[in-house]
Amino acid sequence: MNNLPSAQHNGQPELAFLETQKFRNATEGDLKHSRIQYERGIEYYRKRIDVLEMKDFGDVLDAACGCGQWTLALSDVNGFIRALDINAGLLEIAQCFTREYKKKNIQYYQGDLHFLPFKDATFDAIFSYSALMYTNEDKVIKEFSRVLKPGGKIYVCSDGPGWPLYKVFIQGLKQGRLRSILGAFRLTIRTFSFVILLKRHIKKITFLRRKDVERLFKQNNLEITFYGPDGSFGNMKSQHFKPLYGETFFGLPADFEVIGFKRND
């Protein structure tokens, strides 16, 4: 149940609530990030979780939960959510919202996706949005598979091969951000050098092609049931919501979402 105050900030009570809080660990950067996430309103995330059918699971991991917007939405329709992030400031903000919503089925952890502090086969489902590209992807997918139960569902959204084009055409040329254009070239060179040529994954921002995702999932006993641009699963015809990075460039998704499950063998 939404217990947030009725005062509005850019049309969203979540933002109004955020501005009334004082935090010990959260930096201005953490607050800026949280404002961007919560300006859509929690109902946006509820709709996305519903369309993704990430519901009716007993124990769910929100991997890299950030400021908790997805965690709150997941907690409405699942038994128990374990939410992990490496950033103490974002976790503090997430916990603040959790208390305000009076949620009792969420537990937060500060930790690293490369070394998940959970036993093997702990989770019925794993949800990870916009985090994989900051990691050594092969180690993280291996950890996801380890802590996921056989038959368990996995959802991952991360940067795709259209992301450099998004940085050039949208952030660079359209929004006039020169650094985004330079960043796109660095990202492309880094990905081409390591992921494509050497088939190595490093703890620096890279993007994954579809074949890279398929290879990582196959290597870790995970079966893919859907792959497409961010926000495309179950949303193309009815348009329940507008994805943040749903653009494709020459057929390449800026961000991709992949859904799958852990095989029993």
C-alpha atoms as a PDB file:
ATOM      1  CA  MET A   1       0.000   0.000   0.000  1.00  0.00           C
ATOM      2  CA  ASN A   2       1.287   3.467  -0.892  1.00  0.00           C
ATOM      3  CA  ASN A   3       1.894   5.405   2.327  1.00  0.00           C
ATOM      4  CA  LEU A   4       3.861   8.228   0.744  1.00  0.00           C
ATOM      5  CA  PRO A   5       2.824  11.831   1.369  1.00  0.00           C
ATOM      6  CA  SER A   6       0.465  13.452  -1.092  1.00  0.00           C
ATOM      7  CA  ALA A   7       2.708  16.458  -1.816  1.00  0.00           C
ATOM      8  CA  GLN A   8       3.854  16.507  -5.417  1.00  0.00           C
ATOM      9  CA  HIS A   9       7.280  17.129  -6.940  1.00  0.00           C
ATOM     10  CA  ASN A  10       7.329  17.043 -10.738  1.00  0.00           C
ATOM     11  CA  GLY A  11       4.073  15.120 -10.459  1.00  0.00           C
ATOM     12  CA  GLN A  12       5.464  12.305  -8.265  1.00  0.00           C
ATOM     13  CA  PRO A  13       4.974  11.943  -4.502  1.00  0.00           C
ATOM     14  CA  GLU A  14       8.092   9.737  -4.339  1.00  0.00           C
ATOM     15  CA  LEU A  15      10.245  12.699  -5.294  1.00  0.00           C
ATOM     16  CA  ALA A  16       8.523  14.936  -2.757  1.00  0.00           C
ATOM     17  CA  PHE A  17       9.208  12.350  -0.074  1.00  0.00           C
ATOM     18  CA  LEU A  18      12.849  12.001  -1.110  1.00  0.00           C
ATOM     19  CA  GLU A  19      13.440  15.731  -0.738  1.00  0.00           C
ATOM     20  CA  THR A  20      12.215  15.658   2.886  1.00  0.00           C
ATOM     21  CA  GLN A  21      14.737  13.039   4.004  1.00  0.00           C
ATOM     22  CA  LYS A  22      18.204  13.407   5.487  1.00  0.00           C
ATOM     23  CA  PHE A  23      20.827  10.736   4.800  1.00  0.00           C
ATOM     24  CA  ARG A  24      24.147   9.864   6.378  1.00  0.00           C
ATOM     25  CA  ASN A  25      25.769   7.904   3.568  1.00  0.00           C
ATOM     26  CA  ALA A  26      23.998   9.048   0.414  1.00  0.00           C
ATOM     27  CA  THR A  27      26.003  11.490  -1.695  1.00  0.00           C
ATOM     28  CA  GLU A  28      24.584  14.150  -3.980  1.00  0.00           C
ATOM     29  CA  GLY A  29      25.350  11.769  -6.826  1.00  0.00           C
ATOM     30  CA  ASP A  30      23.258   9.068  -5.137  1.00  0.00           C
ATOM     31  CA  LEU A  31      20.387  11.519  -4.672  1.00  0.00           C
ATOM     32  CA  LYS A  32      20.584  12.675  -8.285  1.00  0.00           C
ATOM     33  CA  HIS A  33      20.438   9.068  -9.472  1.00  0.00           C
ATOM     34  CA  SER A  34      17.483   8.349  -7.168  1.00  0.00           C
ATOM     35  CA  ARG A  35      15.553  11.376  -8.397  1.00  0.00           C
ATOM     36  CA  ILE A  36      15.915  10.124 -11.959  1.00  0.00           C
ATOM     37  CA  GLN A  37      14.668   6.668 -11.001  1.00  0.00           C
ATOM     38  CA  TYR A  38      11.707   7.793  -8.893  1.00  0.00           C
ATOM     39  CA  GLU A  39      10.506  10.542 -11.200  1.00  0.00           C
ATOM     40  CA  ARG A  40       8.598   7.882 -13.166  1.00  0.00           C
ATOM     41  CA  GLY A  41       6.663   6.936 -10.041  1.00  0.00           C
ATOM     42  CA  ILE A  42       6.533   3.499  -8.443  1.00  0.00           C
ATOM     43  CA  GLU A  43       3.537   2.512 -10.574  1.00  0.00           C
ATOM     44  CA  TYR A  44       5.810   2.479 -13.628  1.00  0.00           C
ATOM     45  CA  TYR A  45       7.931  -0.276 -12.057  1.00  0.00           C
ATOM     46  CA  ARG A  46       4.865  -2.183 -10.911  1.00  0.00           C
ATOM     47  CA  LYS A  47       3.582  -2.262 -14.495  1.00  0.00           C
ATOM     48  CA  ARG A  48       6.922  -3.479 -15.785  1.00  0.00           C
ATOM     49  CA  ILE A  49       7.179  -6.259 -13.200  1.00  0.00           C
ATOM     50  CA  ASP A  50       3.624  -7.340 -14.044  1.00  0.00           C
ATOM     51  CA  VAL A  51       4.312  -7.418 -17.803  1.00  0.00           C
ATOM     52  CA  LEU A  52       7.554  -9.345 -17.218  1.00  0.00           C
ATOM     53  CA  GLU A  53       5.627 -11.875 -15.105  1.00  0.00           C
ATOM     54  CA  MET A  54       8.242 -11.617 -12.360  1.00  0.00           C
ATOM     55  CA  LYS A  55       5.709 -12.567  -9.708  1.00  0.00           C
ATOM     56  CA  ASP A  56       4.457 -15.372  -7.475  1.00  0.00           C
ATOM     57  CA  PHE A  57       7.972 -16.486  -6.509  1.00  0.00           C
ATOM     58  CA  GLY A  58       8.948 -17.351  -2.963  1.00  0.00           C
ATOM     59  CA  ASP A  59      12.490 -15.990  -2.712  1.00  0.00           C
ATOM     60  CA  VAL A  60      13.725 -13.372  -5.208  1.00  0.00           C
ATOM     61  CA  LEU A  61      17.119 -11.678  -5.580  1.00  0.00           C
ATOM     62  CA  ASP A  62      17.165  -8.069  -6.779  1.00  0.00           C
ATOM     63  CA  ALA A  63      20.786  -7.983  -7.911  1.00  0.00           C
ATOM     64  CA  ALA A  64      22.176  -4.426  -7.861  1.00  0.00           C
ATOM     65  CA  CYS A  65      18.988  -2.960  -6.417  1.00  0.00           C
ATOM     66  CA  GLY A  66      20.223   0.639  -6.342  1.00  0.00           C
ATOM     67  CA  CYS A  67      17.763   2.979  -4.641  1.00  0.00           C
ATOM     68  CA  GLY A  68      15.098   0.263  -4.407  1.00  0.00           C
ATOM     69  CA  GLN A  69      12.504   1.182  -7.022  1.00  0.00           C
ATOM     70  CA  TRP A  70      12.451  -2.307  -8.542  1.00  0.00           C
ATOM     71  CA  THR A  71      12.700  -3.900  -5.093  1.00  0.00           C
ATOM     72  CA  LEU A  72       9.491  -2.231  -3.969  1.00  0.00           C
ATOM     73  CA  ALA A  73       7.663  -3.333  -7.102  1.00  0.00           C
ATOM     74  CA  LEU A  74       8.929  -6.900  -6.765  1.00  0.00           C
ATOM     75  CA  SER A  75       7.888  -7.039  -3.104  1.00  0.00           C
ATOM     76  CA  ASP A  76       4.246  -6.374  -4.014  1.00  0.00           C
ATOM     77  CA  VAL A  77       3.874  -9.640  -5.928  1.00  0.00           C
ATOM     78  CA  ASN A  78       6.472 -12.016  -4.481  1.00  0.00           C
ATOM     79  CA  GLY A  79       7.065 -13.700  -1.165  1.00  0.00           C
ATOM     80  CA  PHE A  80      10.444 -12.334  -0.043  1.00  0.00           C
ATOM     81  CA  ILE A  81      13.001 -10.056  -1.703  1.00  0.00           C
ATOM     82  CA  ARG A  82      16.711 -10.032  -0.935  1.00  0.00           C
ATOM     83  CA  ALA A  83      18.113  -6.834  -2.421  1.00  0.00           C
ATOM     84  CA  LEU A  84      21.853  -6.376  -2.854  1.00  0.00           C
ATOM     85  CA  ASP A  85      23.948  -3.419  -3.937  1.00  0.00           C
ATOM     86  CA  ILE A  86      27.559  -2.339  -3.509  1.00  0.00           C
ATOM     87  CA  ASN A  87      26.662   1.333  -2.899  1.00  0.00           C
ATOM     88  CA  ALA A  88      25.914   2.125   0.762  1.00  0.00           C
ATOM     89  CA  GLY A  89      24.305   5.468  -0.105  1.00  0.00           C
ATOM     90  CA  LEU A  90      21.805   3.979  -2.530  1.00  0.00           C
ATOM     91  CA  LEU A  91      21.005   1.222  -0.046  1.00  0.00           C
ATOM     92  CA  GLU A  92      20.266   3.857   2.586  1.00  0.00           C
ATOM     93  CA  ILE A  93      17.790   5.518   0.230  1.00  0.00           C
ATOM     94  CA  ALA A  94      16.210   2.175  -0.642  1.00  0.00           C
ATOM     95  CA  GLN A  95      15.768   1.318   3.032  1.00  0.00           C
ATOM     96  CA  CYS A  96      14.178   4.694   3.660  1.00  0.00           C
ATOM     97  CA  PHE A  97      11.515   4.033   1.018  1.00  0.00           C
ATOM     98  CA  THR A  98      11.016   0.504   2.338  1.00  0.00           C
ATOM     99  CA  ARG A  99      10.262   1.830   5.815  1.00  0.00           C
ATOM    100  CA  GLU A 100       7.898   4.442   4.392  1.00  0.00           C
ATOM    101  CA  TYR A 101       6.029   1.786   2.453  1.00  0.00           C
ATOM    102  CA  LYS A 102       6.001  -0.392   5.602  1.00  0.00           C
ATOM    103  CA  LYS A 103       7.410  -3.348   3.720  1.00  0.00           C
ATOM    104  CA  LYS A 104       8.213  -6.391   5.850  1.00  0.00           C
ATOM    105  CA  ASN A 105       9.308  -8.797   3.108  1.00  0.00           C
ATOM    106  CA  ILE A 106      12.537  -7.072   2.011  1.00  0.00           C
ATOM    107  CA  GLN A 107      16.056  -7.581   3.343  1.00  0.00           C
ATOM    108  CA  TYR A 108      19.001  -5.503   2.123  1.00  0.00           C
ATOM    109  CA  TYR A 109      22.627  -6.531   1.735  1.00  0.00           C
ATOM    110  CA  GLN A 110      25.707  -4.532   0.836  1.00  0.00           C
ATOM    111  CA  GLY A 111      27.799  -6.696  -1.429  1.00  0.00           C
ATOM    112  CA  ASP A 112      29.454  -7.406  -4.759  1.00  0.00           C
ATOM    113  CA  LEU A 113      27.719  -9.210  -7.642  1.00  0.00           C
ATOM    114  CA  HIS A 114      30.954 -11.127  -8.273  1.00  0.00           C
ATOM    115  CA  PHE A 115      30.771 -12.718  -4.810  1.00  0.00           C
ATOM    116  CA  LEU A 116      27.127 -13.152  -3.836  1.00  0.00           C
ATOM    117  CA  PRO A 117      26.769 -13.854  -0.085  1.00  0.00           C
ATOM    118  CA  PHE A 118      24.182 -16.594  -0.575  1.00  0.00           C
ATOM    119  CA  LYS A 119      24.209 -20.387  -0.626  1.00  0.00           C
ATOM    120  CA  ASP A 120      23.837 -22.427  -3.789  1.00  0.00           C
ATOM    121  CA  ALA A 121      20.295 -22.753  -5.168  1.00  0.00           C
ATOM    122  CA  THR A 122      18.819 -20.115  -2.829  1.00  0.00           C
ATOM    123  CA  PHE A 123      16.509 -18.201  -5.172  1.00  0.00           C
ATOM    124  CA  ASP A 124      13.385 -18.984  -7.154  1.00  0.00           C
ATOM    125  CA  ALA A 125      14.048 -15.949  -9.375  1.00  0.00           C
ATOM    126  CA  ILE A 126      16.757 -13.348 -10.039  1.00  0.00           C
ATOM    127  CA  PHE A 127      16.139  -9.828 -11.319  1.00  0.00           C
ATOM    128  CA  SER A 128      18.989  -7.569 -12.413  1.00  0.00           C
ATOM    129  CA  TYR A 129      18.398  -4.267 -14.195  1.00  0.00           C
ATOM    130  CA  SER A 130      21.112  -2.033 -15.650  1.00  0.00           C
ATOM    131  CA  ALA A 131      24.097  -3.421 -13.751  1.00  0.00           C
ATOM    132  CA  LEU A 132      25.747  -6.220 -15.712  1.00  0.00           C
ATOM    133  CA  MET A 133      27.666  -3.855 -18.024  1.00  0.00           C
ATOM    134  CA  TYR A 134      29.645  -2.507 -15.034  1.00  0.00           C
ATOM    135  CA  THR A 135      30.906  -5.973 -14.098  1.00  0.00           C
ATOM    136  CA  ASN A 136      33.021  -8.856 -15.248  1.00  0.00           C
ATOM    137  CA  GLU A 137      29.995 -10.416 -16.928  1.00  0.00           C
ATOM    138  CA  ASP A 138      31.113 -14.053 -17.036  1.00  0.00           C
ATOM    139  CA  LYS A 139      31.785 -14.123 -13.284  1.00  0.00           C
ATOM    140  CA  VAL A 140      28.450 -12.486 -12.455  1.00  0.00           C
ATOM    141  CA  ILE A 141      26.373 -14.773 -14.690  1.00  0.00           C
ATOM    142  CA  LYS A 142      28.195 -17.724 -13.122  1.00  0.00           C
ATOM    143  CA  GLU A 143      27.230 -16.425  -9.667  1.00  0.00           C
ATOM    144  CA  PHE A 144      23.630 -15.897 -10.774  1.00  0.00           C
ATOM    145  CA  SER A 145      23.466 -19.491 -11.949  1.00  0.00           C
ATOM    146  CA  ARG A 146      25.018 -20.748  -8.720  1.00  0.00           C
ATOM    147  CA  VAL A 147      22.468 -19.126  -6.415  1.00  0.00           C
ATOM    148  CA  LEU A 148      19.460 -19.808  -8.671  1.00  0.00           C
ATOM    149  CA  LYS A 149      17.429 -22.960  -8.100  1.00  0.00           C
ATOM    150  CA  PRO A 150      17.021 -25.420 -10.986  1.00  0.00           C
ATOM    151  CA  GLY A 151      13.995 -24.252 -12.943  1.00  0.00           C
ATOM    152  CA  GLY A 152      14.314 -20.769 -11.449  1.00  0.00           C
ATOM    153  CA  LYS A 153      13.659 -17.684 -13.597  1.00  0.00           C
ATOM    154  CA  ILE A 154      16.242 -15.036 -14.459  1.00  0.00           C
ATOM    155  CA  TYR A 155      15.802 -11.553 -15.927  1.00  0.00           C
ATOM    156  CA  VAL A 156      18.744  -9.356 -16.935  1.00  0.00           C
ATOM    157  CA  CYS A 157      18.781  -5.961 -18.656  1.00  0.00           C
ATOM    158  CA  SER A 158      22.123  -4.514 -19.778  1.00  0.00           C
ATOM    159  CA  ASP A 159      23.842  -2.514 -22.513  1.00  0.00           C
ATOM    160  CA  GLY A 160      23.536  -3.949 -26.011  1.00  0.00           C
ATOM    161  CA  PRO A 161      25.458  -3.282 -29.243  1.00  0.00           C
ATOM    162  CA  GLY A 162      23.239  -0.286 -30.014  1.00  0.00           C
ATOM    163  CA  TRP A 163      24.391   1.548 -26.881  1.00  0.00           C
ATOM    164  CA  PRO A 164      27.401   3.272 -28.521  1.00  0.00           C
ATOM    165  CA  LEU A 165      25.065   4.448 -31.295  1.00  0.00           C
ATOM    166  CA  TYR A 166      22.640   5.770 -28.666  1.00  0.00           C
ATOM    167  CA  LYS A 167      25.496   7.712 -27.066  1.00  0.00           C
ATOM    168  CA  VAL A 168      26.497   9.185 -30.440  1.00  0.00           C
ATOM    169  CA  PHE A 169      23.110   9.996 -31.990  1.00  0.00           C
ATOM    170  CA  ILE A 170      20.949  10.732 -28.925  1.00  0.00           C
ATOM    171  CA  GLN A 171      23.278  11.898 -26.156  1.00  0.00           C
ATOM    172  CA  GLY A 172      25.936  13.309 -28.468  1.00  0.00           C
ATOM    173  CA  LEU A 173      24.360  14.882 -31.544  1.00  0.00           C
ATOM    174  CA  LYS A 174      20.812  15.431 -30.268  1.00  0.00           C
ATOM    175  CA  GLN A 175      21.646  16.528 -26.714  1.00  0.00           C
ATOM    176  CA  GLY A 176      24.994  18.145 -27.587  1.00  0.00           C
ATOM    177  CA  ARG A 177      27.120  16.068 -25.195  1.00  0.00           C
ATOM    178  CA  LEU A 178      30.529  15.741 -26.846  1.00  0.00           C
ATOM    179  CA  ARG A 179      31.876  13.513 -24.077  1.00  0.00           C
ATOM    180  CA  SER A 180      29.198  10.929 -24.897  1.00  0.00           C
ATOM    181  CA  ILE A 181      30.523  10.655 -28.455  1.00  0.00           C
ATOM    182  CA  LEU A 182      34.074  10.147 -27.191  1.00  0.00           C
ATOM    183  CA  GLY A 183      32.771   7.656 -24.630  1.00  0.00           C
ATOM    184  CA  ALA A 184      31.008   5.703 -27.377  1.00  0.00           C
ATOM    185  CA  PHE A 185      34.282   5.250 -29.259  1.00  0.00           C
ATOM    186  CA  ARG A 186      36.129   4.125 -26.116  1.00  0.00           C
ATOM    187  CA  LEU A 187      33.322   1.690 -25.293  1.00  0.00           C
ATOM    188  CA  THR A 188      33.354   0.228 -28.804  1.00  0.00           C
ATOM    189  CA  ILE A 189      37.129  -0.205 -28.872  1.00  0.00           C
ATOM    190  CA  ARG A 190      37.163  -1.803 -25.404  1.00  0.00           C
ATOM    191  CA  THR A 191      34.342  -4.204 -26.262  1.00  0.00           C
ATOM    192  CA  PHE A 192      35.851  -5.119 -29.632  1.00  0.00           C
ATOM    193  CA  SER A 193      39.282  -5.732 -28.082  1.00  0.00           C
ATOM    194  CA  PHE A 194      38.205  -7.810 -25.115  1.00  0.00           C
ATOM    195  CA  VAL A 195      34.729  -9.280 -25.598  1.00  0.00           C
ATOM    196  CA  ILE A 196      34.806  -9.892 -29.364  1.00  0.00           C
ATOM    197  CA  LEU A 197      38.461 -10.650 -30.133  1.00  0.00           C
ATOM    198  CA  LEU A 198      39.710 -12.122 -26.865  1.00  0.00           C
ATOM    199  CA  LYS A 199      36.290 -13.318 -25.595  1.00  0.00           C
ATOM    200  CA  ARG A 200      37.305 -11.951 -22.196  1.00  0.00           C
ATOM    201  CA  HIS A 201      35.095 -10.027 -19.818  1.00  0.00           C
ATOM    202  CA  ILE A 202      36.629  -7.287 -17.710  1.00  0.00           C
ATOM    203  CA  LYS A 203      35.375  -5.145 -14.861  1.00  0.00           C
ATOM    204  CA  LYS A 204      34.987  -2.110 -17.106  1.00  0.00           C
ATOM    205  CA  ILE A 205      31.942  -0.922 -19.014  1.00  0.00           C
ATOM    206  CA  THR A 206      31.376  -3.006 -22.140  1.00  0.00           C
ATOM    207  CA  PHE A 207      28.344  -4.050 -24.129  1.00  0.00           C
ATOM    208  CA  LEU A 208      27.222  -7.551 -25.090  1.00  0.00           C
ATOM    209  CA  ARG A 209      26.017  -8.774 -28.445  1.00  0.00           C
ATOM    210  CA  ARG A 210      23.243 -11.344 -28.584  1.00  0.00           C
ATOM    211  CA  LYS A 211      25.740 -14.120 -29.343  1.00  0.00           C
ATOM    212  CA  ASP A 212      27.765 -13.091 -26.263  1.00  0.00           C
ATOM    213  CA  VAL A 213      24.680 -13.328 -24.062  1.00  0.00           C
ATOM    214  CA  GLU A 214      23.743 -16.698 -25.534  1.00  0.00           C
ATOM    215  CA  ARG A 215      27.250 -18.009 -24.937  1.00  0.00           C
ATOM    216  CA  LEU A 216      27.336 -16.833 -21.324  1.00  0.00           C
ATOM    217  CA  PHE A 217      23.945 -18.330 -20.570  1.00  0.00           C
ATOM    218  CA  LYS A 218      24.786 -21.656 -22.221  1.00  0.00           C
ATOM    219  CA  GLN A 219      28.088 -21.918 -20.375  1.00  0.00           C
ATOM    220  CA  ASN A 220      26.262 -21.493 -17.062  1.00  0.00           C
ATOM    221  CA  ASN A 221      23.398 -23.932 -17.573  1.00  0.00           C
ATOM    222  CA  LEU A 222      20.881 -21.195 -18.325  1.00  0.00           C
ATOM    223  CA  GLU A 223      18.281 -21.406 -21.090  1.00  0.00           C
ATOM    224  CA  ILE A 224      17.105 -18.246 -22.868  1.00  0.00           C
ATOM    225  CA  THR A 225      13.364 -17.928 -23.509  1.00  0.00           C
ATOM    226  CA  PHE A 226      13.325 -14.302 -24.690  1.00  0.00           C
ATOM    227  CA  TYR A 227      15.802 -11.742 -25.983  1.00  0.00           C
ATOM    228  CA  GLY A 228      14.897  -8.257 -27.217  1.00  0.00           C
ATOM    229  CA  PRO A 229      15.279  -4.506 -26.665  1.00  0.00           C
ATOM    230  CA  ASP A 230      14.649  -3.156 -23.178  1.00  0.00           C
ATOM    231  CA  GLY A 231      10.924  -3.047 -22.466  1.00  0.00           C
ATOM    232  CA  SER A 232       9.895  -5.169 -25.452  1.00  0.00           C
ATOM    233  CA  PHE A 233       8.671  -8.310 -23.693  1.00  0.00           C
ATOM    234  CA  GLY A 234       4.862  -8.261 -23.635  1.00  0.00           C
ATOM    235  CA  ASN A 235       4.830  -4.516 -24.308  1.00  0.00           C
ATOM    236  CA  MET A 236       5.093  -3.994 -28.056  1.00  0.00           C
ATOM    237  CA  LYS A 237       1.378  -4.160 -28.945  1.00  0.00           C
ATOM    238  CA  SER A 238      -0.316  -2.755 -25.847  1.00  0.00           C
ATOM    239  CA  GLN A 239       2.381  -0.275 -24.748  1.00  0.00           C
ATOM    240  CA  HIS A 240       1.801  -0.644 -21.016  1.00  0.00           C
ATOM    241  CA  PHE A 241       4.808   1.626 -20.427  1.00  0.00           C
ATOM    242  CA  LYS A 242       7.554   3.464 -22.304  1.00  0.00           C
ATOM    243  CA  PRO A 243      10.989   1.922 -21.710  1.00  0.00           C
ATOM    244  CA  LEU A 244      13.846   4.231 -20.850  1.00  0.00           C
ATOM    245  CA  TYR A 245      16.243   2.872 -23.474  1.00  0.00           C
ATOM    246  CA  GLY A 246      13.981   0.990 -25.854  1.00  0.00           C
ATOM    247  CA  GLU A 247      15.624   2.396 -28.970  1.00  0.00           C
ATOM    248  CA  THR A 248      17.180   0.229 -31.636  1.00  0.00           C
ATOM    249  CA  PHE A 249      19.725   1.410 -34.191  1.00  0.00           C
ATOM    250  CA  PHE A 250      20.037  -0.581 -37.417  1.00  0.00           C
ATOM    251  CA  GLY A 251      18.262  -3.392 -35.588  1.00  0.00           C
ATOM    252  CA  LEU A 252      20.673  -3.289 -32.625  1.00  0.00           C
ATOM    253  CA  PRO A 253      19.157  -2.710 -29.165  1.00  0.00           C
ATOM    254  CA  ALA A 254      20.614   0.095 -27.068  1.00  0.00           C
ATOM    255  CA  ASP A 255      19.755  -1.961 -24.001  1.00  0.00           C
ATOM    256  CA  PHE A 256      18.654  -5.580 -24.216  1.00  0.00           C
ATOM    257  CA  GLU A 257      16.531  -7.619 -21.846  1.00  0.00           C
ATOM    258  CA  VAL A 258      16.901 -11.361 -21.614  1.00  0.00           C
ATOM    259  CA  ILE A 259      14.647 -13.811 -19.803  1.00  0.00           C
ATOM    260  CA  GLY A 260      15.534 -17.399 -19.057  1.00  0.00           C
ATOM    261  CA  PHE A 261      15.640 -20.196 -16.551  1.00  0.00           C
ATOM    262  CA  LYS A 262      18.151 -22.577 -15.017  1.00  0.00           C
ATOM    263  CA  ARG A 263      18.117 -26.027 -16.570  1.00  0.00           C
ATOM    264  CA  ASN A 264      17.648 -29.025 -14.324  1.00  0.00           C
ATOM    265  CA  ASP A 265      20.541 -30.982 -15.846  1.00  0.00           C
END
